[in-house]
Amino acid sequence: MPSARVAVVIPTFNNADTLVRAVESAIIATDHANRAADMDLHTEVVVVDDGSTDDTRAVLDCLAALLDPLPAITFKTTQTGGNKGAGPARNAGVRHANAPLICFLDADDEFLPQHLDVCVRALLDDREIGYVWTRRQLDVPMHPSWGPSLDRSTVMNLCIRRIWHEIVKGFPEHPDFRTMGTEDSFYRIILRALVPGREIDMETVLIHHAPGNSLDRQRDKLATPITEWDGTKELFIPSDAIMAALQERLEYIDRLKSEMGA
């Protein structure tokens, strides 16, 4: 029976109405791994409050009381000290965790039951890879041509060895990344540049839309074949800060690879 420890880092900002669903999905995925998949898995659920002004604190207190008796779960909370965005919040969550494997989940999305089992098992079976990613399921229509690019540019479907998160210096924290919504894609670019990963051809994460959120804003785009989408509608011009951060991080990766003889 394989044994492992994983942390699920959940940043939240005013998601009191969906946070319980997200946390429950991590609990269900842990239970699935331990009962249906015959694994000895312990999960740290780390919720990072990124300056919420709704009922998040009360929800967290309730969750802490409910989850305390569960032997396979350690429930933790921390704060960013303000509304800093998903990237800084995820970094704070990893620092607050102890597990050697890390998964990320947004507070308005959820894991499907098999997510932790297939991700953790893949990393246990192959020590040469630094991370794995799965496919995502959306609750809005999406043309299948968008699937691969989306799956390779986000982190809710990712499971990474903690050491590699630390080596790549985590998510970028300059506010321009939050403004332009590029924290996830930056993180994945840097990972690809340094360490091999592997795709798992299975939908294990459910991404929800809500009025005004990122998925809701992209509904028309995702319903259109990728070859027919007019990219001029979303012209992306990276700021000087983003370009400087990318150059600095890639140069750092090149130095690391040179030192490792890669």
C-alpha atoms as a PDB file:
ATOM      1  CA  MET A   1       0.000   0.000   0.000  1.00  0.00           C
ATOM      2  CA  PRO A   2       1.629   3.294  -1.066  1.00  0.00           C
ATOM      3  CA  SER A   3       1.930   5.950   1.614  1.00  0.00           C
ATOM      4  CA  ALA A   4       2.171   9.680   0.941  1.00  0.00           C
ATOM      5  CA  ARG A   5       1.506  13.178   2.265  1.00  0.00           C
ATOM      6  CA  VAL A   6       0.076  15.956   0.111  1.00  0.00           C
ATOM      7  CA  ALA A   7      -0.951  19.544   0.775  1.00  0.00           C
ATOM      8  CA  VAL A   8      -3.921  21.131  -0.981  1.00  0.00           C
ATOM      9  CA  VAL A   9      -3.448  24.904  -1.014  1.00  0.00           C
ATOM     10  CA  ILE A  10      -6.676  26.891  -1.437  1.00  0.00           C
ATOM     11  CA  PRO A  11      -6.472  30.683  -1.732  1.00  0.00           C
ATOM     12  CA  THR A  12      -9.756  32.438  -1.033  1.00  0.00           C
ATOM     13  CA  PHE A  13     -11.040  35.983  -1.353  1.00  0.00           C
ATOM     14  CA  ASN A  14     -14.715  36.488  -0.485  1.00  0.00           C
ATOM     15  CA  ASN A  15     -15.602  32.900  -1.446  1.00  0.00           C
ATOM     16  CA  ALA A  16     -17.560  32.034   1.682  1.00  0.00           C
ATOM     17  CA  ASP A  17     -20.387  30.617  -0.452  1.00  0.00           C
ATOM     18  CA  THR A  18     -18.179  28.101  -2.336  1.00  0.00           C
ATOM     19  CA  LEU A  19     -15.292  27.448   0.049  1.00  0.00           C
ATOM     20  CA  VAL A  20     -16.964  24.522   1.818  1.00  0.00           C
ATOM     21  CA  ARG A  21     -17.534  22.799  -1.542  1.00  0.00           C
ATOM     22  CA  ALA A  22     -13.866  23.165  -2.444  1.00  0.00           C
ATOM     23  CA  VAL A  23     -12.641  21.859   0.906  1.00  0.00           C
ATOM     24  CA  GLU A  24     -15.132  18.982   0.849  1.00  0.00           C
ATOM     25  CA  SER A  25     -13.841  17.957  -2.577  1.00  0.00           C
ATOM     26  CA  ALA A  26     -10.316  17.616  -1.160  1.00  0.00           C
ATOM     27  CA  ILE A  27     -11.698  15.521   1.707  1.00  0.00           C
ATOM     28  CA  ILE A  28     -13.639  13.293  -0.697  1.00  0.00           C
ATOM     29  CA  ALA A  29     -10.561  12.888  -2.906  1.00  0.00           C
ATOM     30  CA  THR A  30      -8.516  11.853   0.132  1.00  0.00           C
ATOM     31  CA  ASP A  31     -11.182   9.364   1.189  1.00  0.00           C
ATOM     32  CA  HIS A  32     -11.314   7.951  -2.351  1.00  0.00           C
ATOM     33  CA  ALA A  33      -7.543   7.429  -2.364  1.00  0.00           C
ATOM     34  CA  ASN A  34      -7.607   5.694   1.001  1.00  0.00           C
ATOM     35  CA  ARG A  35     -10.725   3.587   0.581  1.00  0.00           C
ATOM     36  CA  ALA A  36     -11.303   2.900  -3.105  1.00  0.00           C
ATOM     37  CA  ALA A  37      -7.712   3.147  -4.328  1.00  0.00           C
ATOM     38  CA  ASP A  38      -5.991   1.414  -1.398  1.00  0.00           C
ATOM     39  CA  MET A  39      -3.551   4.206  -0.537  1.00  0.00           C
ATOM     40  CA  ASP A  40      -2.346   5.522   2.818  1.00  0.00           C
ATOM     41  CA  LEU A  41      -2.726   9.228   2.058  1.00  0.00           C
ATOM     42  CA  HIS A  42      -2.633  12.088   4.554  1.00  0.00           C
ATOM     43  CA  THR A  43      -3.783  15.472   3.281  1.00  0.00           C
ATOM     44  CA  GLU A  44      -3.045  18.911   4.655  1.00  0.00           C
ATOM     45  CA  VAL A  45      -5.807  21.289   3.571  1.00  0.00           C
ATOM     46  CA  VAL A  46      -4.334  24.787   3.766  1.00  0.00           C
ATOM     47  CA  VAL A  47      -6.782  27.645   3.205  1.00  0.00           C
ATOM     48  CA  VAL A  48      -5.220  31.070   2.681  1.00  0.00           C
ATOM     49  CA  ASP A  49      -7.534  34.000   3.430  1.00  0.00           C
ATOM     50  CA  ASP A  50      -6.458  36.760   1.052  1.00  0.00           C
ATOM     51  CA  GLY A  51      -8.138  39.643   2.837  1.00  0.00           C
ATOM     52  CA  SER A  52     -11.759  38.467   2.682  1.00  0.00           C
ATOM     53  CA  THR A  53     -14.478  40.815   3.924  1.00  0.00           C
ATOM     54  CA  ASP A  54     -17.407  38.362   3.794  1.00  0.00           C
ATOM     55  CA  ASP A  55     -18.196  35.462   6.172  1.00  0.00           C
ATOM     56  CA  THR A  56     -15.015  33.538   5.311  1.00  0.00           C
ATOM     57  CA  ARG A  57     -13.671  33.654   8.884  1.00  0.00           C
ATOM     58  CA  ALA A  58     -16.836  32.062  10.276  1.00  0.00           C
ATOM     59  CA  VAL A  59     -16.755  29.395   7.564  1.00  0.00           C
ATOM     60  CA  LEU A  60     -13.132  28.591   8.388  1.00  0.00           C
ATOM     61  CA  ASP A  61     -13.922  28.278  12.101  1.00  0.00           C
ATOM     62  CA  CYS A  62     -16.758  25.889  11.313  1.00  0.00           C
ATOM     63  CA  LEU A  63     -14.576  23.819   8.985  1.00  0.00           C
ATOM     64  CA  ALA A  64     -11.819  23.586  11.587  1.00  0.00           C
ATOM     65  CA  ALA A  65     -14.258  22.158  14.137  1.00  0.00           C
ATOM     66  CA  LEU A  66     -15.772  19.693  11.672  1.00  0.00           C
ATOM     67  CA  LEU A  67     -12.482  18.427  10.250  1.00  0.00           C
ATOM     68  CA  ASP A  68     -10.512  18.136  13.469  1.00  0.00           C
ATOM     69  CA  PRO A  69     -11.599  14.516  14.149  1.00  0.00           C
ATOM     70  CA  LEU A  70     -10.639  13.227  10.681  1.00  0.00           C
ATOM     71  CA  PRO A  71      -7.426  11.189  11.008  1.00  0.00           C
ATOM     72  CA  ALA A  72      -6.348  11.544   7.366  1.00  0.00           C
ATOM     73  CA  ILE A  73      -6.820  15.343   7.304  1.00  0.00           C
ATOM     74  CA  THR A  74      -4.915  18.225   8.833  1.00  0.00           C
ATOM     75  CA  PHE A  75      -6.777  21.504   8.390  1.00  0.00           C
ATOM     76  CA  LYS A  76      -4.747  24.718   8.465  1.00  0.00           C
ATOM     77  CA  THR A  77      -5.468  28.369   7.785  1.00  0.00           C
ATOM     78  CA  THR A  78      -3.268  31.377   7.233  1.00  0.00           C
ATOM     79  CA  GLN A  79      -3.596  34.918   5.900  1.00  0.00           C
ATOM     80  CA  THR A  80      -1.742  37.108   3.433  1.00  0.00           C
ATOM     81  CA  GLY A  81      -2.282  40.286   5.413  1.00  0.00           C
ATOM     82  CA  GLY A  82      -4.238  41.918   2.584  1.00  0.00           C
ATOM     83  CA  ASN A  83      -5.738  41.251  -0.805  1.00  0.00           C
ATOM     84  CA  LYS A  84      -2.579  40.321  -2.724  1.00  0.00           C
ATOM     85  CA  GLY A  85      -3.897  37.883  -5.324  1.00  0.00           C
ATOM     86  CA  ALA A  86      -3.742  34.155  -6.006  1.00  0.00           C
ATOM     87  CA  GLY A  87       0.005  33.925  -6.641  1.00  0.00           C
ATOM     88  CA  PRO A  88       1.186  35.417  -3.325  1.00  0.00           C
ATOM     89  CA  ALA A  89      -1.608  33.545  -1.497  1.00  0.00           C
ATOM     90  CA  ARG A  90      -0.487  30.205  -2.936  1.00  0.00           C
ATOM     91  CA  ASN A  91       3.105  30.920  -1.959  1.00  0.00           C
ATOM     92  CA  ALA A  92       1.943  31.690   1.577  1.00  0.00           C
ATOM     93  CA  GLY A  93      -0.012  28.434   1.664  1.00  0.00           C
ATOM     94  CA  VAL A  94       2.986  26.362   0.594  1.00  0.00           C
ATOM     95  CA  ARG A  95       5.117  28.008   3.283  1.00  0.00           C
ATOM     96  CA  HIS A  96       2.456  27.082   5.843  1.00  0.00           C
ATOM     97  CA  ALA A  97       2.344  23.451   4.692  1.00  0.00           C
ATOM     98  CA  ASN A  98       4.711  20.603   5.531  1.00  0.00           C
ATOM     99  CA  ALA A  99       3.841  17.932   2.947  1.00  0.00           C
ATOM    100  CA  PRO A 100       6.376  17.039   0.207  1.00  0.00           C
ATOM    101  CA  LEU A 101       3.695  17.079  -2.518  1.00  0.00           C
ATOM    102  CA  ILE A 102       1.577  20.129  -3.329  1.00  0.00           C
ATOM    103  CA  CYS A 103      -1.742  20.567  -5.142  1.00  0.00           C
ATOM    104  CA  PHE A 104      -3.533  23.848  -5.786  1.00  0.00           C
ATOM    105  CA  LEU A 105      -7.284  24.439  -5.829  1.00  0.00           C
ATOM    106  CA  ASP A 106      -9.244  27.652  -6.240  1.00  0.00           C
ATOM    107  CA  ALA A 107     -11.984  28.246  -3.693  1.00  0.00           C
ATOM    108  CA  ASP A 108     -14.751  28.280  -6.321  1.00  0.00           C
ATOM    109  CA  ASP A 109     -13.676  25.030  -8.031  1.00  0.00           C
ATOM    110  CA  GLU A 110     -13.451  21.411  -6.916  1.00  0.00           C
ATOM    111  CA  PHE A 111     -11.467  18.218  -7.274  1.00  0.00           C
ATOM    112  CA  LEU A 112     -13.199  15.173  -8.679  1.00  0.00           C
ATOM    113  CA  PRO A 113     -12.801  12.113  -6.424  1.00  0.00           C
ATOM    114  CA  GLN A 114      -9.890  10.525  -8.322  1.00  0.00           C
ATOM    115  CA  HIS A 115      -7.684  13.626  -8.466  1.00  0.00           C
ATOM    116  CA  LEU A 116      -5.371  13.055  -5.504  1.00  0.00           C
ATOM    117  CA  ASP A 117      -5.077   9.330  -6.115  1.00  0.00           C
ATOM    118  CA  VAL A 118      -3.970   9.552  -9.746  1.00  0.00           C
ATOM    119  CA  CYS A 119      -1.646  12.536  -9.192  1.00  0.00           C
ATOM    120  CA  VAL A 120       0.072  11.261  -6.067  1.00  0.00           C
ATOM    121  CA  ARG A 121       0.390   7.729  -7.410  1.00  0.00           C
ATOM    122  CA  ALA A 122       2.006   8.993 -10.634  1.00  0.00           C
ATOM    123  CA  LEU A 123       4.619  10.956  -8.678  1.00  0.00           C
ATOM    124  CA  LEU A 124       5.329   7.999  -6.410  1.00  0.00           C
ATOM    125  CA  ASP A 125       5.761   5.695  -9.406  1.00  0.00           C
ATOM    126  CA  ASP A 126       8.172   7.929 -11.331  1.00  0.00           C
ATOM    127  CA  ARG A 127      10.844   9.770  -9.345  1.00  0.00           C
ATOM    128  CA  GLU A 128      12.249  11.366 -12.519  1.00  0.00           C
ATOM    129  CA  ILE A 129       9.318  13.749 -12.992  1.00  0.00           C
ATOM    130  CA  GLY A 130       8.816  16.871 -10.924  1.00  0.00           C
ATOM    131  CA  TYR A 131       5.097  17.365 -11.457  1.00  0.00           C
ATOM    132  CA  VAL A 132       2.027  15.970 -13.172  1.00  0.00           C
ATOM    133  CA  TRP A 133      -1.082  17.583 -14.570  1.00  0.00           C
ATOM    134  CA  THR A 134      -4.499  16.268 -15.495  1.00  0.00           C
ATOM    135  CA  ARG A 135      -7.321  17.495 -17.700  1.00  0.00           C
ATOM    136  CA  ARG A 136      -9.972  19.912 -16.517  1.00  0.00           C
ATOM    137  CA  GLN A 137     -13.727  19.660 -16.851  1.00  0.00           C
ATOM    138  CA  LEU A 138     -15.678  22.906 -17.251  1.00  0.00           C
ATOM    139  CA  ASP A 139     -19.312  23.494 -16.352  1.00  0.00           C
ATOM    140  CA  VAL A 140     -19.807  25.575 -19.525  1.00  0.00           C
ATOM    141  CA  PRO A 141     -19.592  24.375 -23.153  1.00  0.00           C
ATOM    142  CA  MET A 142     -16.027  24.240 -24.464  1.00  0.00           C
ATOM    143  CA  HIS A 143     -14.750  23.267 -27.905  1.00  0.00           C
ATOM    144  CA  PRO A 144     -12.284  20.384 -27.432  1.00  0.00           C
ATOM    145  CA  SER A 145      -9.558  22.211 -29.362  1.00  0.00           C
ATOM    146  CA  TRP A 146      -9.016  24.487 -26.328  1.00  0.00           C
ATOM    147  CA  GLY A 147      -8.431  21.657 -23.874  1.00  0.00           C
ATOM    148  CA  PRO A 148      -4.676  21.010 -24.249  1.00  0.00           C
ATOM    149  CA  SER A 149      -3.640  24.659 -24.084  1.00  0.00           C
ATOM    150  CA  LEU A 150      -5.814  25.333 -21.037  1.00  0.00           C
ATOM    151  CA  ASP A 151      -4.593  22.211 -19.255  1.00  0.00           C
ATOM    152  CA  ARG A 152      -0.979  23.303 -19.762  1.00  0.00           C
ATOM    153  CA  SER A 153      -1.440  26.855 -18.521  1.00  0.00           C
ATOM    154  CA  THR A 154      -3.265  26.536 -15.190  1.00  0.00           C
ATOM    155  CA  VAL A 155      -2.413  25.004 -11.817  1.00  0.00           C
ATOM    156  CA  MET A 156      -5.683  23.663 -10.365  1.00  0.00           C
ATOM    157  CA  ASN A 157      -4.958  20.441 -12.265  1.00  0.00           C
ATOM    158  CA  LEU A 158      -1.323  20.301 -11.124  1.00  0.00           C
ATOM    159  CA  CYS A 159       0.479  18.268  -8.468  1.00  0.00           C
ATOM    160  CA  ILE A 160       4.131  19.164  -7.848  1.00  0.00           C
ATOM    161  CA  ARG A 161       6.915  18.016  -5.610  1.00  0.00           C
ATOM    162  CA  ARG A 162       7.436  20.754  -3.034  1.00  0.00           C
ATOM    163  CA  ILE A 163      11.176  20.902  -3.713  1.00  0.00           C
ATOM    164  CA  TRP A 164      10.583  22.013  -7.301  1.00  0.00           C
ATOM    165  CA  HIS A 165       8.089  24.679  -6.243  1.00  0.00           C
ATOM    166  CA  GLU A 166      10.776  26.067  -3.968  1.00  0.00           C
ATOM    167  CA  ILE A 167      13.549  25.783  -6.550  1.00  0.00           C
ATOM    168  CA  VAL A 168      11.568  27.767  -9.149  1.00  0.00           C
ATOM    169  CA  LYS A 169      10.830  30.370  -6.430  1.00  0.00           C
ATOM    170  CA  GLY A 170       7.085  29.826  -6.470  1.00  0.00           C
ATOM    171  CA  PHE A 171       4.560  32.094  -8.141  1.00  0.00           C
ATOM    172  CA  PRO A 172       5.498  35.621  -9.238  1.00  0.00           C
ATOM    173  CA  GLU A 173       4.314  38.277  -6.790  1.00  0.00           C
ATOM    174  CA  HIS A 174       4.574  41.517  -8.752  1.00  0.00           C
ATOM    175  CA  PRO A 175       1.059  43.055  -8.928  1.00  0.00           C
ATOM    176  CA  ASP A 176       1.203  43.215 -12.760  1.00  0.00           C
ATOM    177  CA  PHE A 177       0.870  39.427 -12.897  1.00  0.00           C
ATOM    178  CA  ARG A 178      -2.371  39.612 -10.946  1.00  0.00           C
ATOM    179  CA  THR A 179      -3.691  42.497 -13.065  1.00  0.00           C
ATOM    180  CA  MET A 180      -3.073  40.585 -16.299  1.00  0.00           C
ATOM    181  CA  GLY A 181      -4.009  37.168 -14.926  1.00  0.00           C
ATOM    182  CA  THR A 182      -0.695  35.564 -15.837  1.00  0.00           C
ATOM    183  CA  GLU A 183       0.510  34.022 -12.539  1.00  0.00           C
ATOM    184  CA  ASP A 184      -0.432  30.479 -13.560  1.00  0.00           C
ATOM    185  CA  SER A 185       1.002  30.579 -17.077  1.00  0.00           C
ATOM    186  CA  PHE A 186       4.266  32.108 -15.799  1.00  0.00           C
ATOM    187  CA  TYR A 187       4.588  29.343 -13.192  1.00  0.00           C
ATOM    188  CA  ARG A 188       4.000  26.621 -15.785  1.00  0.00           C
ATOM    189  CA  ILE A 189       6.501  28.185 -18.243  1.00  0.00           C
ATOM    190  CA  ILE A 190       9.220  28.198 -15.589  1.00  0.00           C
ATOM    191  CA  LEU A 191       8.460  24.620 -14.553  1.00  0.00           C
ATOM    192  CA  ARG A 192       8.665  23.392 -18.146  1.00  0.00           C
ATOM    193  CA  ALA A 193      12.014  25.129 -18.542  1.00  0.00           C
ATOM    194  CA  LEU A 194      13.547  23.304 -15.570  1.00  0.00           C
ATOM    195  CA  VAL A 195      12.039  19.927 -14.770  1.00  0.00           C
ATOM    196  CA  PRO A 196      10.164  17.238 -16.706  1.00  0.00           C
ATOM    197  CA  GLY A 197       6.483  16.753 -16.013  1.00  0.00           C
ATOM    198  CA  ARG A 198       3.879  14.317 -17.260  1.00  0.00           C
ATOM    199  CA  GLU A 199       0.290  14.649 -18.392  1.00  0.00           C
ATOM    200  CA  ILE A 200      -2.359  12.309 -17.036  1.00  0.00           C
ATOM    201  CA  ASP A 201      -5.099  11.890 -19.603  1.00  0.00           C
ATOM    202  CA  MET A 202      -8.016  12.068 -17.190  1.00  0.00           C
ATOM    203  CA  GLU A 203     -10.457  14.797 -16.161  1.00  0.00           C
ATOM    204  CA  THR A 204      -9.994  15.209 -12.413  1.00  0.00           C
ATOM    205  CA  VAL A 205     -10.835  18.864 -11.699  1.00  0.00           C
ATOM    206  CA  LEU A 206     -14.152  20.665 -12.164  1.00  0.00           C
ATOM    207  CA  ILE A 207     -13.922  24.380 -12.969  1.00  0.00           C
ATOM    208  CA  HIS A 208     -17.050  26.378 -12.202  1.00  0.00           C
ATOM    209  CA  HIS A 209     -18.197  29.588 -13.785  1.00  0.00           C
ATOM    210  CA  ALA A 210     -19.804  32.386 -11.845  1.00  0.00           C
ATOM    211  CA  PRO A 211     -20.967  35.810 -13.040  1.00  0.00           C
ATOM    212  CA  GLY A 212     -17.916  37.893 -13.839  1.00  0.00           C
ATOM    213  CA  ASN A 213     -15.229  35.312 -13.078  1.00  0.00           C
ATOM    214  CA  SER A 214     -12.492  34.320 -15.537  1.00  0.00           C
ATOM    215  CA  LEU A 215     -14.358  31.343 -16.959  1.00  0.00           C
ATOM    216  CA  ASP A 216     -17.559  33.352 -17.379  1.00  0.00           C
ATOM    217  CA  ARG A 217     -15.664  36.057 -19.307  1.00  0.00           C
ATOM    218  CA  GLN A 218     -14.250  33.438 -21.677  1.00  0.00           C
ATOM    219  CA  ARG A 219     -17.471  31.549 -22.466  1.00  0.00           C
ATOM    220  CA  ASP A 220     -17.796  32.810 -26.053  1.00  0.00           C
ATOM    221  CA  LYS A 221     -14.123  32.190 -26.746  1.00  0.00           C
ATOM    222  CA  LEU A 222     -14.104  28.645 -25.368  1.00  0.00           C
ATOM    223  CA  ALA A 223     -17.214  27.662 -27.309  1.00  0.00           C
ATOM    224  CA  THR A 224     -15.474  28.617 -30.588  1.00  0.00           C
ATOM    225  CA  PRO A 225     -12.882  26.342 -32.294  1.00  0.00           C
ATOM    226  CA  ILE A 226      -9.414  27.621 -31.473  1.00  0.00           C
ATOM    227  CA  THR A 227      -8.615  28.034 -35.182  1.00  0.00           C
ATOM    228  CA  GLU A 228     -11.615  30.338 -35.649  1.00  0.00           C
ATOM    229  CA  TRP A 229     -11.083  32.595 -32.649  1.00  0.00           C
ATOM    230  CA  ASP A 230     -10.077  36.167 -33.430  1.00  0.00           C
ATOM    231  CA  GLY A 231      -7.072  36.664 -31.166  1.00  0.00           C
ATOM    232  CA  THR A 232      -7.112  40.427 -31.714  1.00  0.00           C
ATOM    233  CA  LYS A 233     -10.076  40.570 -29.335  1.00  0.00           C
ATOM    234  CA  GLU A 234      -7.748  39.827 -26.418  1.00  0.00           C
ATOM    235  CA  LEU A 235      -4.445  41.416 -27.347  1.00  0.00           C
ATOM    236  CA  PHE A 236      -2.018  40.774 -24.502  1.00  0.00           C
ATOM    237  CA  ILE A 237       0.880  43.171 -24.089  1.00  0.00           C
ATOM    238  CA  PRO A 238       3.055  42.151 -21.122  1.00  0.00           C
ATOM    239  CA  SER A 239       4.287  44.973 -18.930  1.00  0.00           C
ATOM    240  CA  ASP A 240       7.961  45.761 -18.466  1.00  0.00           C
ATOM    241  CA  ALA A 241       7.763  44.222 -14.987  1.00  0.00           C
ATOM    242  CA  ILE A 242       6.418  40.947 -16.361  1.00  0.00           C
ATOM    243  CA  MET A 243       9.068  40.756 -19.073  1.00  0.00           C
ATOM    244  CA  ALA A 244      11.821  41.559 -16.581  1.00  0.00           C
ATOM    245  CA  ALA A 245      10.589  38.906 -14.159  1.00  0.00           C
ATOM    246  CA  LEU A 246      10.386  36.319 -16.938  1.00  0.00           C
ATOM    247  CA  GLN A 247      13.901  37.102 -18.145  1.00  0.00           C
ATOM    248  CA  GLU A 248      15.309  37.011 -14.613  1.00  0.00           C
ATOM    249  CA  ARG A 249      13.641  33.696 -13.806  1.00  0.00           C
ATOM    250  CA  LEU A 250      14.686  32.038 -17.083  1.00  0.00           C
ATOM    251  CA  GLU A 251      18.282  33.190 -16.599  1.00  0.00           C
ATOM    252  CA  TYR A 252      18.158  31.740 -13.091  1.00  0.00           C
ATOM    253  CA  ILE A 253      16.849  28.452 -14.504  1.00  0.00           C
ATOM    254  CA  ASP A 254      19.652  28.377 -17.084  1.00  0.00           C
ATOM    255  CA  ARG A 255      22.223  28.819 -14.300  1.00  0.00           C
ATOM    256  CA  LEU A 256      20.650  26.013 -12.298  1.00  0.00           C
ATOM    257  CA  LYS A 257      20.640  23.662 -15.283  1.00  0.00           C
ATOM    258  CA  SER A 258      24.262  24.486 -16.000  1.00  0.00           C
ATOM    259  CA  GLU A 259      25.231  23.746 -12.399  1.00  0.00           C
ATOM    260  CA  MET A 260      23.314  20.443 -12.545  1.00  0.00           C
ATOM    261  CA  GLY A 261      25.026  19.546 -15.812  1.00  0.00           C
ATOM    262  CA  ALA A 262      21.713  19.414 -17.660  1.00  0.00           C
END
